[in-house]
Amino acid sequence: MILAAADAAEGSGEPPEDLQLAWHVQRWRALPKSGGLDNQPAGLVQRMSVLANVYDAVSLWRRESNWARWSQENPAAWRIVQMVIELRKEAEECQAMTSF
């Protein structure tokens, strides 16, 4: 789901369902299930937060022309982008290993 959120930020894929749900929650200021945070399905709020953070960080990074400056000014977002880069590298290596 993390790579799908990053792909969506780059315009090369559909946003995952939990990211779309995060956008609805943000827009309508209401959680998906009635009640508070504790009444949501296990892990849902955390998944929505992670995917929204990935989408936002990759979106900002892709729009930036000076990546060196941006990475220094936005260290938390840069760490997310680095994680995405590493995950993509690992996914490519796994795909290459299974394509024999």
PDB file of N, CA and C in Angstrom:
ATOM      1  N   MET A   1       0.815  -1.196   0.000  1.00  0.00           N
ATOM      2  CA  MET A   1       0.000   0.000   0.000  1.00  0.00           C
ATOM      3  C   MET A   1       0.864   1.268   0.000  1.00  0.00           C
ATOM      4  N   ILE A   2       2.021   1.200   0.637  1.00  0.00           N
ATOM      5  CA  ILE A   2       2.898   2.365   0.690  1.00  0.00           C
ATOM      6  C   ILE A   2       3.355   2.750  -0.710  1.00  0.00           C
ATOM      7  N   LEU A   3       3.774   1.763  -1.484  1.00  0.00           N
ATOM      8  CA  LEU A   3       4.230   2.069  -2.844  1.00  0.00           C
ATOM      9  C   LEU A   3       3.072   2.518  -3.722  1.00  0.00           C
ATOM     10  N   ALA A   4       1.885   2.002  -3.482  1.00  0.00           N
ATOM     11  CA  ALA A   4       0.715   2.446  -4.240  1.00  0.00           C
ATOM     12  C   ALA A   4       0.411   3.911  -3.933  1.00  0.00           C
ATOM     13  N   ALA A   5       0.568   4.324  -2.681  1.00  0.00           N
ATOM     14  CA  ALA A   5       0.356   5.727  -2.323  1.00  0.00           C
ATOM     15  C   ALA A   5       1.404   6.614  -2.984  1.00  0.00           C
ATOM     16  N   ALA A   6       2.654   6.141  -3.011  1.00  0.00           N
ATOM     17  CA  ALA A   6       3.717   6.902  -3.674  1.00  0.00           C
ATOM     18  C   ALA A   6       3.461   6.997  -5.173  1.00  0.00           C
ATOM     19  N   ASP A   7       3.038   5.896  -5.784  1.00  0.00           N
ATOM     20  CA  ASP A   7       2.716   5.908  -7.214  1.00  0.00           C
ATOM     21  C   ASP A   7       1.598   6.899  -7.505  1.00  0.00           C
ATOM     22  N   ALA A   8       0.585   6.906  -6.654  1.00  0.00           N
ATOM     23  CA  ALA A   8      -0.532   7.837  -6.847  1.00  0.00           C
ATOM     24  C   ALA A   8      -0.052   9.279  -6.744  1.00  0.00           C
ATOM     25  N   ALA A   9       0.880   9.542  -5.839  1.00  0.00           N
ATOM     26  CA  ALA A   9       1.423  10.895  -5.691  1.00  0.00           C
ATOM     27  C   ALA A   9       2.157  11.338  -6.943  1.00  0.00           C
ATOM     28  N   GLU A  10       2.701  10.370  -7.672  1.00  0.00           N
ATOM     29  CA  GLU A  10       3.430  10.669  -8.906  1.00  0.00           C
ATOM     30  C   GLU A  10       2.535  10.580 -10.140  1.00  0.00           C
ATOM     31  N   GLY A  11       1.265  10.278  -9.928  1.00  0.00           N
ATOM     32  CA  GLY A  11       0.322  10.204 -11.041  1.00  0.00           C
ATOM     33  C   GLY A  11       0.422   8.942 -11.856  1.00  0.00           C
ATOM     34  N   SER A  12       1.025   7.893 -11.287  1.00  0.00           N
ATOM     35  CA  SER A  12       1.193   6.659 -12.061  1.00  0.00           C
ATOM     36  C   SER A  12       0.402   5.493 -11.486  1.00  0.00           C
ATOM     37  N   GLY A  13      -0.620   5.784 -10.732  1.00  0.00           N
ATOM     38  CA  GLY A  13      -1.448   4.719 -10.183  1.00  0.00           C
ATOM     39  C   GLY A  13      -2.610   5.288  -9.400  1.00  0.00           C
ATOM     40  N   GLU A  14      -3.550   4.405  -9.114  1.00  0.00           N
ATOM     41  CA  GLU A  14      -4.712   4.797  -8.330  1.00  0.00           C
ATOM     42  C   GLU A  14      -4.352   4.815  -6.850  1.00  0.00           C
ATOM     43  N   PRO A  15      -4.874   5.772  -6.096  1.00  0.00           N
ATOM     44  CA  PRO A  15      -4.611   5.777  -4.659  1.00  0.00           C
ATOM     45  C   PRO A  15      -5.271   4.574  -3.996  1.00  0.00           C
ATOM     46  N   PRO A  16      -4.583   3.961  -3.030  1.00  0.00           N
ATOM     47  CA  PRO A  16      -5.190   2.830  -2.332  1.00  0.00           C
ATOM     48  C   PRO A  16      -6.444   3.263  -1.573  1.00  0.00           C
ATOM     49  N   GLU A  17      -7.291   2.306  -1.305  1.00  0.00           N
ATOM     50  CA  GLU A  17      -8.576   2.583  -0.671  1.00  0.00           C
ATOM     51  C   GLU A  17      -8.422   3.320   0.666  1.00  0.00           C
ATOM     52  N   ASP A  18      -7.461   2.916   1.489  1.00  0.00           N
ATOM     53  CA  ASP A  18      -7.287   3.567   2.787  1.00  0.00           C
ATOM     54  C   ASP A  18      -6.810   5.014   2.643  1.00  0.00           C
ATOM     55  N   LEU A  19      -6.089   5.326   1.583  1.00  0.00           N
ATOM     56  CA  LEU A  19      -5.692   6.710   1.338  1.00  0.00           C
ATOM     57  C   LEU A  19      -6.908   7.531   0.913  1.00  0.00           C
ATOM     58  N   GLN A  20      -7.732   6.970   0.051  1.00  0.00           N
ATOM     59  CA  GLN A  20      -8.954   7.669  -0.341  1.00  0.00           C
ATOM     60  C   GLN A  20      -9.848   7.919   0.870  1.00  0.00           C
ATOM     61  N   LEU A  21      -9.903   6.929   1.756  1.00  0.00           N
ATOM     62  CA  LEU A  21     -10.692   7.073   2.980  1.00  0.00           C
ATOM     63  C   LEU A  21     -10.109   8.190   3.858  1.00  0.00           C
ATOM     64  N   ALA A  22      -8.778   8.279   3.941  1.00  0.00           N
ATOM     65  CA  ALA A  22      -8.133   9.343   4.716  1.00  0.00           C
ATOM     66  C   ALA A  22      -8.527  10.709   4.164  1.00  0.00           C
ATOM     67  N   TRP A  23      -8.582  10.831   2.851  1.00  0.00           N
ATOM     68  CA  TRP A  23      -8.983  12.107   2.243  1.00  0.00           C
ATOM     69  C   TRP A  23     -10.426  12.456   2.596  1.00  0.00           C
ATOM     70  N   HIS A  24     -11.305  11.439   2.596  1.00  0.00           N
ATOM     71  CA  HIS A  24     -12.703  11.679   2.970  1.00  0.00           C
ATOM     72  C   HIS A  24     -12.812  12.112   4.431  1.00  0.00           C
ATOM     73  N   VAL A  25     -12.054  11.442   5.292  1.00  0.00           N
ATOM     74  CA  VAL A  25     -12.054  11.798   6.712  1.00  0.00           C
ATOM     75  C   VAL A  25     -11.593  13.242   6.882  1.00  0.00           C
ATOM     76  N   GLN A  26     -10.537  13.604   6.178  1.00  0.00           N
ATOM     77  CA  GLN A  26     -10.015  14.972   6.277  1.00  0.00           C
ATOM     78  C   GLN A  26     -11.033  15.985   5.744  1.00  0.00           C
ATOM     79  N   ARG A  27     -11.615  15.659   4.612  1.00  0.00           N
ATOM     80  CA  ARG A  27     -12.555  16.604   3.993  1.00  0.00           C
ATOM     81  C   ARG A  27     -13.821  16.795   4.826  1.00  0.00           C
ATOM     82  N   TRP A  28     -14.377  15.680   5.315  1.00  0.00           N
ATOM     83  CA  TRP A  28     -15.650  15.747   6.015  1.00  0.00           C
ATOM     84  C   TRP A  28     -15.493  15.836   7.538  1.00  0.00           C
ATOM     85  N   ARG A  29     -14.239  15.741   8.000  1.00  0.00           N
ATOM     86  CA  ARG A  29     -13.955  15.834   9.442  1.00  0.00           C
ATOM     87  C   ARG A  29     -14.804  14.855  10.249  1.00  0.00           C
ATOM     88  N   ALA A  30     -14.862  13.641   9.741  1.00  0.00           N
ATOM     89  CA  ALA A  30     -15.629  12.590  10.410  1.00  0.00           C
ATOM     90  C   ALA A  30     -14.947  11.248  10.174  1.00  0.00           C
ATOM     91  N   LEU A  31     -14.880  10.440  11.200  1.00  0.00           N
ATOM     92  CA  LEU A  31     -14.297   9.104  11.067  1.00  0.00           C
ATOM     93  C   LEU A  31     -15.264   8.187  10.335  1.00  0.00           C
ATOM     94  N   PRO A  32     -14.756   7.119   9.730  1.00  0.00           N
ATOM     95  CA  PRO A  32     -15.619   6.244   8.945  1.00  0.00           C
ATOM     96  C   PRO A  32     -16.698   5.533   9.760  1.00  0.00           C
ATOM     97  N   LYS A  33     -16.376   5.112  10.974  1.00  0.00           N
ATOM     98  CA  LYS A  33     -17.344   4.422  11.839  1.00  0.00           C
ATOM     99  C   LYS A  33     -17.772   5.357  12.951  1.00  0.00           C
ATOM    100  N   SER A  34     -18.981   5.169  13.432  1.00  0.00           N
ATOM    101  CA  SER A  34     -19.451   6.022  14.522  1.00  0.00           C
ATOM    102  C   SER A  34     -18.600   5.787  15.765  1.00  0.00           C
ATOM    103  N   GLY A  35     -18.539   6.789  16.599  1.00  0.00           N
ATOM    104  CA  GLY A  35     -17.714   6.710  17.797  1.00  0.00           C
ATOM    105  C   GLY A  35     -16.397   7.419  17.577  1.00  0.00           C
ATOM    106  N   GLY A  36     -15.480   7.220  18.493  1.00  0.00           N
ATOM    107  CA  GLY A  36     -14.186   7.890  18.427  1.00  0.00           C
ATOM    108  C   GLY A  36     -13.115   7.034  17.784  1.00  0.00           C
ATOM    109  N   LEU A  37     -11.879   7.420  18.013  1.00  0.00           N
ATOM    110  CA  LEU A  37     -10.741   6.695  17.438  1.00  0.00           C
ATOM    111  C   LEU A  37     -10.733   5.230  17.848  1.00  0.00           C
ATOM    112  N   ASP A  38     -11.088   4.943  19.095  1.00  0.00           N
ATOM    113  CA  ASP A  38     -11.057   3.573  19.591  1.00  0.00           C
ATOM    114  C   ASP A  38     -12.142   2.690  18.968  1.00  0.00           C
ATOM    115  N   ASN A  39     -13.113   3.284  18.332  1.00  0.00           N
ATOM    116  CA  ASN A  39     -14.200   2.508  17.728  1.00  0.00           C
ATOM    117  C   ASN A  39     -13.958   2.185  16.255  1.00  0.00           C
ATOM    118  N   GLN A  40     -12.821   2.567  15.720  1.00  0.00           N
ATOM    119  CA  GLN A  40     -12.498   2.301  14.319  1.00  0.00           C
ATOM    120  C   GLN A  40     -11.890   0.896  14.197  1.00  0.00           C
ATOM    121  N   PRO A  41     -12.003   0.288  13.025  1.00  0.00           N
ATOM    122  CA  PRO A  41     -11.385  -1.031  12.839  1.00  0.00           C
ATOM    123  C   PRO A  41      -9.896  -0.989  13.169  1.00  0.00           C
ATOM    124  N   ALA A  42      -9.397  -2.055  13.738  1.00  0.00           N
ATOM    125  CA  ALA A  42      -8.001  -2.129  14.170  1.00  0.00           C
ATOM    126  C   ALA A  42      -7.054  -1.759  13.037  1.00  0.00           C
ATOM    127  N   GLY A  43      -6.176  -0.803  13.294  1.00  0.00           N
ATOM    128  CA  GLY A  43      -5.143  -0.409  12.346  1.00  0.00           C
ATOM    129  C   GLY A  43      -5.569   0.566  11.270  1.00  0.00           C
ATOM    130  N   LEU A  44      -6.860   0.813  11.124  1.00  0.00           N
ATOM    131  CA  LEU A  44      -7.329   1.667  10.031  1.00  0.00           C
ATOM    132  C   LEU A  44      -6.786   3.088  10.132  1.00  0.00           C
ATOM    133  N   VAL A  45      -6.879   3.696  11.284  1.00  0.00           N
ATOM    134  CA  VAL A  45      -6.440   5.093  11.437  1.00  0.00           C
ATOM    135  C   VAL A  45      -4.937   5.190  11.186  1.00  0.00           C
ATOM    136  N   GLN A  46      -4.185   4.218  11.671  1.00  0.00           N
ATOM    137  CA  GLN A  46      -2.734   4.231  11.440  1.00  0.00           C
ATOM    138  C   GLN A  46      -2.421   4.062   9.956  1.00  0.00           C
ATOM    139  N   ARG A  47      -3.112   3.163   9.259  1.00  0.00           N
ATOM    140  CA  ARG A  47      -2.878   2.988   7.819  1.00  0.00           C
ATOM    141  C   ARG A  47      -3.215   4.257   7.051  1.00  0.00           C
ATOM    142  N   MET A  48      -4.325   4.879   7.410  1.00  0.00           N
ATOM    143  CA  MET A  48      -4.704   6.121   6.736  1.00  0.00           C
ATOM    144  C   MET A  48      -3.639   7.191   6.952  1.00  0.00           C
ATOM    145  N   SER A  49      -3.138   7.299   8.166  1.00  0.00           N
ATOM    146  CA  SER A  49      -2.118   8.310   8.473  1.00  0.00           C
ATOM    147  C   SER A  49      -0.827   8.050   7.707  1.00  0.00           C
ATOM    148  N   VAL A  50      -0.387   6.811   7.708  1.00  0.00           N
ATOM    149  CA  VAL A  50       0.855   6.462   7.004  1.00  0.00           C
ATOM    150  C   VAL A  50       0.721   6.761   5.521  1.00  0.00           C
ATOM    151  N   LEU A  51      -0.363   6.313   4.912  1.00  0.00           N
ATOM    152  CA  LEU A  51      -0.534   6.513   3.467  1.00  0.00           C
ATOM    153  C   LEU A  51      -0.665   7.989   3.113  1.00  0.00           C
ATOM    154  N   ALA A  52      -1.355   8.759   3.941  1.00  0.00           N
ATOM    155  CA  ALA A  52      -1.472  10.200   3.690  1.00  0.00           C
ATOM    156  C   ALA A  52      -0.101  10.871   3.807  1.00  0.00           C
ATOM    157  N   ASN A  53       0.689  10.463   4.790  1.00  0.00           N
ATOM    158  CA  ASN A  53       2.035  11.032   4.939  1.00  0.00           C
ATOM    159  C   ASN A  53       2.921  10.684   3.751  1.00  0.00           C
ATOM    160  N   VAL A  54       2.838   9.452   3.278  1.00  0.00           N
ATOM    161  CA  VAL A  54       3.625   9.038   2.112  1.00  0.00           C
ATOM    162  C   VAL A  54       3.203   9.851   0.892  1.00  0.00           C
ATOM    163  N   TYR A  55       1.914   9.931   0.661  1.00  0.00           N
ATOM    164  CA  TYR A  55       1.404  10.677  -0.493  1.00  0.00           C
ATOM    165  C   TYR A  55       1.869  12.134  -0.440  1.00  0.00           C
ATOM    166  N   ASP A  56       1.711  12.767   0.716  1.00  0.00           N
ATOM    167  CA  ASP A  56       2.089  14.181   0.850  1.00  0.00           C
ATOM    168  C   ASP A  56       3.587  14.381   0.642  1.00  0.00           C
ATOM    169  N   ALA A  57       4.404  13.529   1.261  1.00  0.00           N
ATOM    170  CA  ALA A  57       5.865  13.681   1.146  1.00  0.00           C
ATOM    171  C   ALA A  57       6.324  13.493  -0.293  1.00  0.00           C
ATOM    172  N   VAL A  58       5.836  12.462  -0.954  1.00  0.00           N
ATOM    173  CA  VAL A  58       6.260  12.197  -2.337  1.00  0.00           C
ATOM    174  C   VAL A  58       5.745  13.296  -3.263  1.00  0.00           C
ATOM    175  N   SER A  59       4.533  13.764  -3.031  1.00  0.00           N
ATOM    176  CA  SER A  59       3.988  14.859  -3.854  1.00  0.00           C
ATOM    177  C   SER A  59       4.847  16.110  -3.749  1.00  0.00           C
ATOM    178  N   LEU A  60       5.193  16.470  -2.532  1.00  0.00           N
ATOM    179  CA  LEU A  60       6.023  17.664  -2.327  1.00  0.00           C
ATOM    180  C   LEU A  60       7.401  17.483  -2.948  1.00  0.00           C
ATOM    181  N   TRP A  61       7.992  16.323  -2.747  1.00  0.00           N
ATOM    182  CA  TRP A  61       9.333  16.037  -3.274  1.00  0.00           C
ATOM    183  C   TRP A  61       9.358  16.108  -4.795  1.00  0.00           C
ATOM    184  N   ARG A  62       8.336  15.545  -5.450  1.00  0.00           N
ATOM    185  CA  ARG A  62       8.300  15.524  -6.914  1.00  0.00           C
ATOM    186  C   ARG A  62       8.124  16.915  -7.505  1.00  0.00           C
ATOM    187  N   ARG A  63       7.499  17.804  -6.770  1.00  0.00           N
ATOM    188  CA  ARG A  63       7.291  19.169  -7.274  1.00  0.00           C
ATOM    189  C   ARG A  63       8.494  20.069  -7.040  1.00  0.00           C
ATOM    190  N   GLU A  64       9.413  19.631  -6.203  1.00  0.00           N
ATOM    191  CA  GLU A  64      10.564  20.444  -5.825  1.00  0.00           C
ATOM    192  C   GLU A  64      11.650  20.359  -6.880  1.00  0.00           C
ATOM    193  N   SER A  65      12.238  21.487  -7.214  1.00  0.00           N
ATOM    194  CA  SER A  65      13.326  21.490  -8.198  1.00  0.00           C
ATOM    195  C   SER A  65      14.692  21.361  -7.536  1.00  0.00           C
ATOM    196  N   ASN A  66      14.798  21.784  -6.282  1.00  0.00           N
ATOM    197  CA  ASN A  66      16.071  21.702  -5.570  1.00  0.00           C
ATOM    198  C   ASN A  66      15.938  20.660  -4.455  1.00  0.00           C
ATOM    199  N   TRP A  67      16.172  19.401  -4.817  1.00  0.00           N
ATOM    200  CA  TRP A  67      15.964  18.301  -3.867  1.00  0.00           C
ATOM    201  C   TRP A  67      16.913  18.373  -2.684  1.00  0.00           C
ATOM    202  N   ALA A  68      18.129  18.838  -2.879  1.00  0.00           N
ATOM    203  CA  ALA A  68      19.091  18.925  -1.775  1.00  0.00           C
ATOM    204  C   ALA A  68      18.591  19.907  -0.713  1.00  0.00           C
ATOM    205  N   ARG A  69      18.184  21.066  -1.147  1.00  0.00           N
ATOM    206  CA  ARG A  69      17.667  22.063  -0.203  1.00  0.00           C
ATOM    207  C   ARG A  69      16.394  21.562   0.461  1.00  0.00           C
ATOM    208  N   TRP A  70      15.490  21.003  -0.350  1.00  0.00           N
ATOM    209  CA  TRP A  70      14.218  20.512   0.176  1.00  0.00           C
ATOM    210  C   TRP A  70      14.445  19.441   1.240  1.00  0.00           C
ATOM    211  N   SER A  71      15.379  18.521   0.980  1.00  0.00           N
ATOM    212  CA  SER A  71      15.621  17.441   1.938  1.00  0.00           C
ATOM    213  C   SER A  71      16.156  17.979   3.264  1.00  0.00           C
ATOM    214  N   GLN A  72      16.928  19.054   3.217  1.00  0.00           N
ATOM    215  CA  GLN A  72      17.435  19.662   4.454  1.00  0.00           C
ATOM    216  C   GLN A  72      16.341  20.426   5.194  1.00  0.00           C
ATOM    217  N   GLU A  73      15.446  21.043   4.450  1.00  0.00           N
ATOM    218  CA  GLU A  73      14.375  21.830   5.062  1.00  0.00           C
ATOM    219  C   GLU A  73      13.212  20.967   5.547  1.00  0.00           C
ATOM    220  N   ASN A  74      13.120  19.748   5.018  1.00  0.00           N
ATOM    221  CA  ASN A  74      12.004  18.854   5.339  1.00  0.00           C
ATOM    222  C   ASN A  74      12.525  17.466   5.704  1.00  0.00           C
ATOM    223  N   PRO A  75      13.264  17.355   6.806  1.00  0.00           N
ATOM    224  CA  PRO A  75      13.907  16.078   7.117  1.00  0.00           C
ATOM    225  C   PRO A  75      12.934  14.913   7.332  1.00  0.00           C
ATOM    226  N   ALA A  76      11.791  15.160   7.945  1.00  0.00           N
ATOM    227  CA  ALA A  76      10.834  14.068   8.172  1.00  0.00           C
ATOM    228  C   ALA A  76      10.265  13.574   6.842  1.00  0.00           C
ATOM    229  N   ALA A  77       9.900  14.499   5.982  1.00  0.00           N
ATOM    230  CA  ALA A  77       9.380  14.107   4.671  1.00  0.00           C
ATOM    231  C   ALA A  77      10.462  13.421   3.846  1.00  0.00           C
ATOM    232  N   TRP A  78      11.702  13.883   3.957  1.00  0.00           N
ATOM    233  CA  TRP A  78      12.805  13.266   3.225  1.00  0.00           C
ATOM    234  C   TRP A  78      13.016  11.821   3.679  1.00  0.00           C
ATOM    235  N   ARG A  79      12.866  11.559   4.986  1.00  0.00           N
ATOM    236  CA  ARG A  79      13.002  10.185   5.472  1.00  0.00           C
ATOM    237  C   ARG A  79      11.924   9.285   4.857  1.00  0.00           C
ATOM    238  N   ILE A  80      10.733   9.825   4.688  1.00  0.00           N
ATOM    239  CA  ILE A  80       9.657   9.058   4.054  1.00  0.00           C
ATOM    240  C   ILE A  80      10.010   8.769   2.604  1.00  0.00           C
ATOM    241  N   VAL A  81      10.491   9.774   1.891  1.00  0.00           N
ATOM    242  CA  VAL A  81      10.885   9.591   0.486  1.00  0.00           C
ATOM    243  C   VAL A  81      12.004   8.557   0.381  1.00  0.00           C
ATOM    244  N   GLN A  82      12.976   8.624   1.281  1.00  0.00           N
ATOM    245  CA  GLN A  82      14.060   7.641   1.270  1.00  0.00           C
ATOM    246  C   GLN A  82      13.524   6.229   1.491  1.00  0.00           C
ATOM    247  N   MET A  83      12.543   6.089   2.386  1.00  0.00           N
ATOM    248  CA  MET A  83      11.928   4.792   2.627  1.00  0.00           C
ATOM    249  C   MET A  83      11.248   4.279   1.357  1.00  0.00           C
ATOM    250  N   VAL A  84      10.548   5.156   0.660  1.00  0.00           N
ATOM    251  CA  VAL A  84       9.878   4.772  -0.581  1.00  0.00           C
ATOM    252  C   VAL A  84      10.902   4.326  -1.622  1.00  0.00           C
ATOM    253  N   ILE A  85      11.985   5.064  -1.746  1.00  0.00           N
ATOM    254  CA  ILE A  85      13.037   4.708  -2.700  1.00  0.00           C
ATOM    255  C   ILE A  85      13.597   3.327  -2.367  1.00  0.00           C
ATOM    256  N   GLU A  86      13.847   3.072  -1.092  1.00  0.00           N
ATOM    257  CA  GLU A  86      14.379   1.776  -0.664  1.00  0.00           C
ATOM    258  C   GLU A  86      13.369   0.652  -0.900  1.00  0.00           C
ATOM    259  N   LEU A  87      12.107   0.895  -0.601  1.00  0.00           N
ATOM    260  CA  LEU A  87      11.080  -0.119  -0.844  1.00  0.00           C
ATOM    261  C   LEU A  87      10.960  -0.443  -2.325  1.00  0.00           C
ATOM    262  N   ARG A  88      11.036   0.564  -3.165  1.00  0.00           N
ATOM    263  CA  ARG A  88      10.976   0.326  -4.609  1.00  0.00           C
ATOM    264  C   ARG A  88      12.171  -0.501  -5.080  1.00  0.00           C
ATOM    265  N   LYS A  89      13.346  -0.196  -4.535  1.00  0.00           N
ATOM    266  CA  LYS A  89      14.546  -0.945  -4.885  1.00  0.00           C
ATOM    267  C   LYS A  89      14.386  -2.421  -4.479  1.00  0.00           C
ATOM    268  N   GLU A  90      13.891  -2.654  -3.279  1.00  0.00           N
ATOM    269  CA  GLU A  90      13.669  -4.018  -2.802  1.00  0.00           C
ATOM    270  C   GLU A  90      12.636  -4.736  -3.654  1.00  0.00           C
ATOM    271  N   ALA A  91      11.580  -4.047  -4.032  1.00  0.00           N
ATOM    272  CA  ALA A  91      10.542  -4.651  -4.867  1.00  0.00           C
ATOM    273  C   ALA A  91      11.097  -5.033  -6.233  1.00  0.00           C
ATOM    274  N   GLU A  92      11.933  -4.167  -6.805  1.00  0.00           N
ATOM    275  CA  GLU A  92      12.560  -4.469  -8.095  1.00  0.00           C
ATOM    276  C   GLU A  92      13.480  -5.682  -7.986  1.00  0.00           C
ATOM    277  N   GLU A  93      14.241  -5.774  -6.887  1.00  0.00           N
ATOM    278  CA  GLU A  93      15.139  -6.906  -6.689  1.00  0.00           C
ATOM    279  C   GLU A  93      14.350  -8.203  -6.538  1.00  0.00           C
ATOM    280  N   CYS A  94      13.256  -8.157  -5.789  1.00  0.00           N
ATOM    281  CA  CYS A  94      12.411  -9.348  -5.623  1.00  0.00           C
ATOM    282  C   CYS A  94      11.798  -9.769  -6.958  1.00  0.00           C
ATOM    283  N   GLN A  95      11.357  -8.797  -7.716  1.00  0.00           N
ATOM    284  CA  GLN A  95      10.773  -9.101  -9.023  1.00  0.00           C
ATOM    285  C   GLN A  95      11.814  -9.706  -9.952  1.00  0.00           C
ATOM    286  N   ALA A  96      13.034  -9.185  -9.929  1.00  0.00           N
ATOM    287  CA  ALA A  96      14.098  -9.728 -10.772  1.00  0.00           C
ATOM    288  C   ALA A  96      14.445 -11.158 -10.367  1.00  0.00           C
ATOM    289  N   MET A  97      14.405 -11.440  -9.065  1.00  0.00           N
ATOM    290  CA  MET A  97      14.725 -12.771  -8.602  1.00  0.00           C
ATOM    291  C   MET A  97      13.660 -13.791  -8.963  1.00  0.00           C
ATOM    292  N   THR A  98      12.413 -13.357  -9.025  1.00  0.00           N
ATOM    293  CA  THR A  98      11.324 -14.289  -9.322  1.00  0.00           C
ATOM    294  C   THR A  98      11.040 -14.420 -10.816  1.00  0.00           C
ATOM    295  N   SER A  99      11.703 -13.638 -11.632  1.00  0.00           N
ATOM    296  CA  SER A  99      11.424 -13.678 -13.078  1.00  0.00           C
ATOM    297  C   SER A  99      12.284 -14.697 -13.818  1.00  0.00           C
ATOM    298  N   PHE A 100      13.012 -15.512 -13.087  1.00  0.00           N
ATOM    299  CA  PHE A 100      13.840 -16.538 -13.732  1.00  0.00           C
ATOM    300  C   PHE A 100      13.022 -17.674 -14.229  1.00  0.00           C
TER     301      PHE A 100
END
